[in-house]
Amino acid sequence: MENKRFFIVSAAVLAIGIVLSGLSIAFGIKALKADQRTVSVRGLSEREIEADLAVWPVTFTLSGNDLSQLRQDIVKKTNIIISFLKTHGLKESDFTVKEPAITDTTTDPYMDQTRKRDKYFAKVVVFVRSSNINAVNAALSVSIDLMDSGIALSHDYDSRVEYLFTKLNDIKPQMIAEATQNAHKAAEQFAHDSGSKVGKIKRASQGLFSIDDAAPGLPERKSVRVVTTVEYILSD
């Protein structure tokens, strides 16, 4: 009976010892982590590249009182637009003729019915989407010539030309690597100034890529930018 009690007491003491030892190690690790020195830095990568896609809604409007005549005018002037685009190097695969939007002004509650106007109003769009930037620019630069054919192109916000860069995935890996390298250089400078050495990466995050015009009035060239944030462990 005495021996059994002795073993029970011994086992209990051993268990308590193991628990206390575990707690001691855990607190020791926490203390070690708390004393760990780190530095958080940012690295930038920025490139200027050419746009590779132009989007141009070539838009014009017509009006009339006879639907049949309006239809003939739409077809005639749309064909003039198509011929104009082809003349300047664009292919049929570079543009799409959208369905005309016809408005009956007499049934539009937002129209001032006291003003005299044609009954029907048509908005026509030939939608250009092409990687041939030079051809789009060539056509755009002389689009005023369409006025000789009685076509006045719209120049509102919805009809503006947009230049896009669509090959971001091709340059992402190199730019992320460059941003990380620049972050490491900043960490090395910080470590040098504080008498430390840069160790392993503790954590890192990548910001969003941004694509903007390289400069005002220069939409054909884009500035691509990304920032990475990296936290390094410092050692003596």
Protein backbone atom coordinates (compact mmCIF):
# COMPACT_ATOMS: atom_id res chain seq x y z
CA MET A 1 0.00 0.00 0.00
CA GLU A 2 2.87 2.29 0.94
CA ASN A 3 4.67 1.50 -2.33
CA LYS A 4 1.53 2.18 -4.38
CA ARG A 5 1.06 5.55 -2.70
CA PHE A 6 4.71 6.37 -3.32
CA PHE A 7 4.40 5.64 -7.03
CA ILE A 8 1.26 7.77 -7.30
CA VAL A 9 2.93 10.70 -5.60
CA SER A 10 6.05 10.30 -7.76
CA ALA A 11 4.00 10.19 -10.95
CA ALA A 12 2.13 13.33 -9.92
CA VAL A 13 5.36 15.18 -9.17
CA LEU A 14 6.83 14.07 -12.50
CA ALA A 15 3.73 15.25 -14.37
CA ILE A 16 3.85 18.63 -12.67
CA GLY A 17 7.52 18.90 -13.51
CA ILE A 18 6.88 18.20 -17.18
CA VAL A 19 4.10 20.81 -17.31
CA LEU A 20 6.26 23.43 -15.63
CA SER A 21 9.15 22.58 -17.91
CA GLY A 22 6.89 22.99 -20.96
CA LEU A 23 5.64 26.33 -19.71
CA SER A 24 9.18 27.45 -19.10
CA ILE A 25 10.21 26.54 -22.65
CA ALA A 26 7.12 28.24 -24.10
CA PHE A 27 7.77 31.46 -22.18
CA GLY A 28 11.41 31.24 -23.22
CA ILE A 29 10.46 31.00 -26.91
CA LYS A 30 8.05 33.92 -26.54
CA ALA A 31 10.75 35.98 -24.88
CA LEU A 32 13.16 35.05 -27.66
CA LYS A 33 10.63 36.12 -30.31
CA ALA A 34 9.91 39.32 -28.44
CA ASP A 35 13.62 40.16 -28.50
CA GLN A 36 13.91 39.39 -32.23
CA ARG A 37 14.81 42.51 -34.18
CA THR A 38 13.25 43.13 -37.58
CA VAL A 39 13.05 45.85 -40.17
CA SER A 40 10.15 46.45 -42.55
CA VAL A 41 11.00 48.06 -45.89
CA ARG A 42 9.34 48.74 -49.23
CA GLY A 43 10.68 48.09 -52.68
CA LEU A 44 9.46 49.80 -55.85
CA SER A 45 9.54 48.59 -59.44
CA GLU A 46 8.37 50.91 -62.21
CA ARG A 47 8.50 50.55 -65.97
CA GLU A 48 7.41 52.68 -68.91
CA ILE A 49 5.99 50.65 -71.77
CA GLU A 50 4.02 51.11 -74.98
CA ALA A 51 0.27 50.44 -75.00
CA ASP A 52 -0.60 47.38 -77.07
CA LEU A 53 -4.33 47.90 -77.66
CA ALA A 54 -6.40 50.85 -78.85
CA VAL A 55 -10.16 51.09 -78.29
CA TRP A 56 -12.01 53.72 -80.31
CA PRO A 57 -15.82 53.95 -80.52
CA VAL A 58 -16.18 55.82 -83.81
CA THR A 59 -19.54 57.48 -83.17
CA PHE A 60 -21.78 59.68 -85.27
CA THR A 61 -25.43 60.73 -85.14
CA LEU A 62 -28.16 61.20 -87.71
CA SER A 63 -31.75 62.36 -87.61
CA GLY A 64 -34.78 62.41 -89.91
CA ASN A 65 -38.53 62.11 -90.17
CA ASP A 66 -38.65 59.06 -92.43
CA LEU A 67 -37.36 55.74 -91.08
CA SER A 68 -36.68 54.30 -94.51
CA GLN A 69 -34.57 57.29 -95.53
CA LEU A 70 -32.82 57.28 -92.16
CA ARG A 71 -31.90 53.64 -92.65
CA GLN A 72 -30.36 54.41 -96.06
CA ASP A 73 -28.34 57.27 -94.57
CA ILE A 74 -27.08 55.02 -91.76
CA VAL A 75 -25.92 52.33 -94.19
CA LYS A 76 -24.29 54.84 -96.52
CA LYS A 77 -22.35 56.68 -93.85
CA THR A 78 -21.38 53.52 -92.00
CA ASN A 79 -19.83 52.21 -95.22
CA ILE A 80 -17.94 55.48 -95.58
CA ILE A 81 -16.54 54.99 -92.06
CA ILE A 82 -15.54 51.40 -92.85
CA SER A 83 -13.78 52.47 -96.06
CA PHE A 84 -12.03 55.26 -94.17
CA LEU A 85 -10.70 52.84 -91.53
CA LYS A 86 -9.48 50.35 -94.13
CA THR A 87 -7.74 53.12 -96.06
CA HIS A 88 -5.65 53.84 -92.99
CA GLY A 89 -4.54 50.24 -92.46
CA LEU A 90 -7.23 48.71 -90.26
CA LYS A 91 -8.69 45.30 -91.12
CA GLU A 92 -12.26 44.10 -90.76
CA SER A 93 -11.16 42.06 -87.73
CA ASP A 94 -10.14 45.34 -86.06
CA PHE A 95 -13.65 46.80 -85.87
CA THR A 96 -17.30 45.90 -85.34
CA VAL A 97 -20.40 47.75 -86.53
CA LYS A 98 -22.80 48.02 -83.61
CA GLU A 99 -26.57 48.04 -83.95
CA PRO A 100 -27.79 51.65 -84.34
CA ALA A 101 -29.71 53.10 -81.41
CA ILE A 102 -32.88 54.73 -82.75
CA THR A 103 -34.89 57.16 -80.63
CA ASP A 104 -38.39 58.39 -81.42
CA THR A 105 -38.19 61.91 -80.02
CA THR A 106 -41.99 62.27 -79.88
CA THR A 107 -42.24 59.48 -77.29
CA ASP A 108 -39.27 60.50 -75.18
CA PRO A 109 -40.54 62.13 -71.94
CA TYR A 110 -37.21 63.87 -71.47
CA MET A 111 -37.41 65.72 -74.77
CA ASP A 112 -38.77 69.27 -74.95
CA GLN A 113 -41.74 68.70 -77.23
CA THR A 114 -42.20 72.44 -77.80
CA ARG A 115 -39.00 72.57 -79.86
CA LYS A 116 -39.12 71.72 -83.54
CA ARG A 117 -36.89 68.74 -84.37
CA ASP A 118 -36.72 65.64 -86.55
CA LYS A 119 -38.86 62.79 -85.30
CA TYR A 120 -36.16 60.13 -85.30
CA PHE A 121 -32.65 60.26 -83.89
CA ALA A 122 -29.98 57.61 -84.59
CA LYS A 123 -26.68 56.98 -82.82
CA VAL A 124 -24.26 54.79 -84.79
CA VAL A 125 -21.04 53.25 -83.45
CA VAL A 126 -18.30 51.48 -85.37
CA PHE A 127 -16.30 49.97 -82.51
CA VAL A 128 -12.56 49.78 -83.18
CA ARG A 129 -10.49 47.44 -81.02
CA SER A 130 -7.07 46.93 -82.51
CA SER A 131 -3.46 46.19 -81.61
CA ASN A 132 -2.41 48.26 -84.64
CA ILE A 133 -1.83 51.44 -82.68
CA ASN A 134 -0.17 53.23 -85.60
CA ALA A 135 -3.15 52.63 -87.88
CA VAL A 136 -5.60 53.87 -85.25
CA ASN A 137 -3.54 57.01 -84.70
CA ALA A 138 -3.28 57.59 -88.45
CA ALA A 139 -7.05 57.40 -88.87
CA LEU A 140 -7.68 59.50 -85.79
CA SER A 141 -5.35 62.27 -86.89
CA VAL A 142 -7.30 62.88 -90.11
CA SER A 143 -10.79 61.95 -88.91
CA ILE A 144 -11.84 65.54 -89.58
CA ASP A 145 -11.75 64.61 -93.29
CA LEU A 146 -15.00 62.69 -92.72
CA MET A 147 -16.77 66.02 -92.53
CA ASP A 148 -16.38 66.24 -96.31
CA SER A 149 -18.76 63.26 -96.46
CA GLY A 150 -21.24 64.89 -94.11
CA ILE A 151 -20.10 62.90 -91.06
CA ALA A 152 -19.36 64.74 -87.83
CA LEU A 153 -17.84 62.34 -85.33
CA SER A 154 -18.83 62.65 -81.69
CA HIS A 155 -16.08 63.63 -79.27
CA ASP A 156 -17.84 63.14 -75.96
CA TYR A 157 -16.55 61.06 -73.06
CA ASP A 158 -18.03 57.79 -74.38
CA SER A 159 -16.38 58.27 -77.77
CA ARG A 160 -12.83 58.95 -76.63
CA VAL A 161 -9.93 56.73 -77.66
CA GLU A 162 -8.43 54.55 -74.94
CA TYR A 163 -4.98 52.99 -75.04
CA LEU A 164 -4.49 49.86 -72.94
CA PHE A 165 -1.65 47.57 -71.90
CA THR A 166 -2.83 43.96 -71.80
CA LYS A 167 0.39 41.99 -71.25
CA LEU A 168 0.87 42.61 -67.55
CA ASN A 169 1.32 38.92 -66.77
CA ASP A 170 4.37 38.85 -69.06
CA ILE A 171 6.29 41.36 -66.92
CA LYS A 172 4.87 40.61 -63.45
CA PRO A 173 7.55 38.11 -62.32
CA GLN A 174 10.47 40.38 -63.31
CA MET A 175 8.89 43.42 -61.67
CA ILE A 176 8.14 41.59 -58.42
CA ALA A 177 11.72 40.31 -58.33
CA GLU A 178 13.05 43.83 -58.96
CA ALA A 179 10.83 45.32 -56.24
CA THR A 180 12.03 42.66 -53.77
CA GLN A 181 15.67 43.34 -54.66
CA ASN A 182 15.16 47.05 -54.06
CA ALA A 183 13.54 46.27 -50.70
CA HIS A 184 16.57 44.15 -49.77
CA LYS A 185 18.91 47.03 -50.67
CA ALA A 186 16.94 49.34 -48.38
CA ALA A 187 17.13 46.76 -45.57
CA GLU A 188 20.90 46.41 -46.07
CA GLN A 189 21.33 50.16 -45.75
CA PHE A 190 19.28 50.19 -42.58
CA ALA A 191 21.25 47.26 -41.17
CA HIS A 192 24.56 48.93 -42.03
CA ASP A 193 23.54 52.14 -40.27
CA SER A 194 22.49 50.20 -37.16
CA GLY A 195 25.44 47.82 -37.09
CA SER A 196 23.34 44.77 -37.98
CA LYS A 197 23.06 42.19 -40.72
CA VAL A 198 20.06 41.33 -42.84
CA GLY A 199 18.74 37.83 -42.22
CA LYS A 200 15.84 35.83 -43.59
CA ILE A 201 12.48 37.23 -44.68
CA LYS A 202 9.97 37.08 -41.84
CA ARG A 203 6.98 38.12 -43.93
CA ALA A 204 6.30 39.79 -47.27
CA SER A 205 3.35 41.25 -49.14
CA GLN A 206 2.84 42.46 -52.69
CA GLY A 207 0.83 45.56 -53.49
CA LEU A 208 -1.48 45.95 -56.47
CA PHE A 209 -0.07 46.71 -59.90
CA SER A 210 -1.08 50.12 -61.25
CA ILE A 211 -1.11 51.12 -64.93
CA ASP A 212 -1.38 54.84 -65.70
CA ASP A 213 -0.52 57.20 -68.53
CA ALA A 214 3.20 57.90 -68.49
CA ALA A 215 2.47 61.62 -68.75
CA PRO A 216 -0.50 63.92 -69.39
CA GLY A 217 -1.31 63.94 -73.08
CA LEU A 218 0.69 60.76 -73.70
CA PRO A 219 -1.88 57.94 -73.40
CA GLU A 220 -0.01 55.64 -75.81
CA ARG A 221 2.74 55.15 -73.22
CA LYS A 222 1.98 53.59 -69.86
CA SER A 223 3.71 53.59 -66.50
CA VAL A 224 3.44 50.24 -64.71
CA ARG A 225 4.17 50.29 -60.97
CA VAL A 226 4.21 47.85 -58.05
CA VAL A 227 5.38 48.12 -54.44
CA THR A 228 6.33 45.17 -52.23
CA THR A 229 6.61 45.29 -48.44
CA VAL A 230 9.17 42.95 -46.88
CA GLU A 231 10.06 42.40 -43.22
CA TYR A 232 13.58 41.06 -42.60
CA ILE A 233 15.08 39.59 -39.44
CA LEU A 234 18.17 41.45 -38.27
CA SER A 235 21.16 39.81 -36.58
CA ASP A 236 24.29 41.17 -34.94
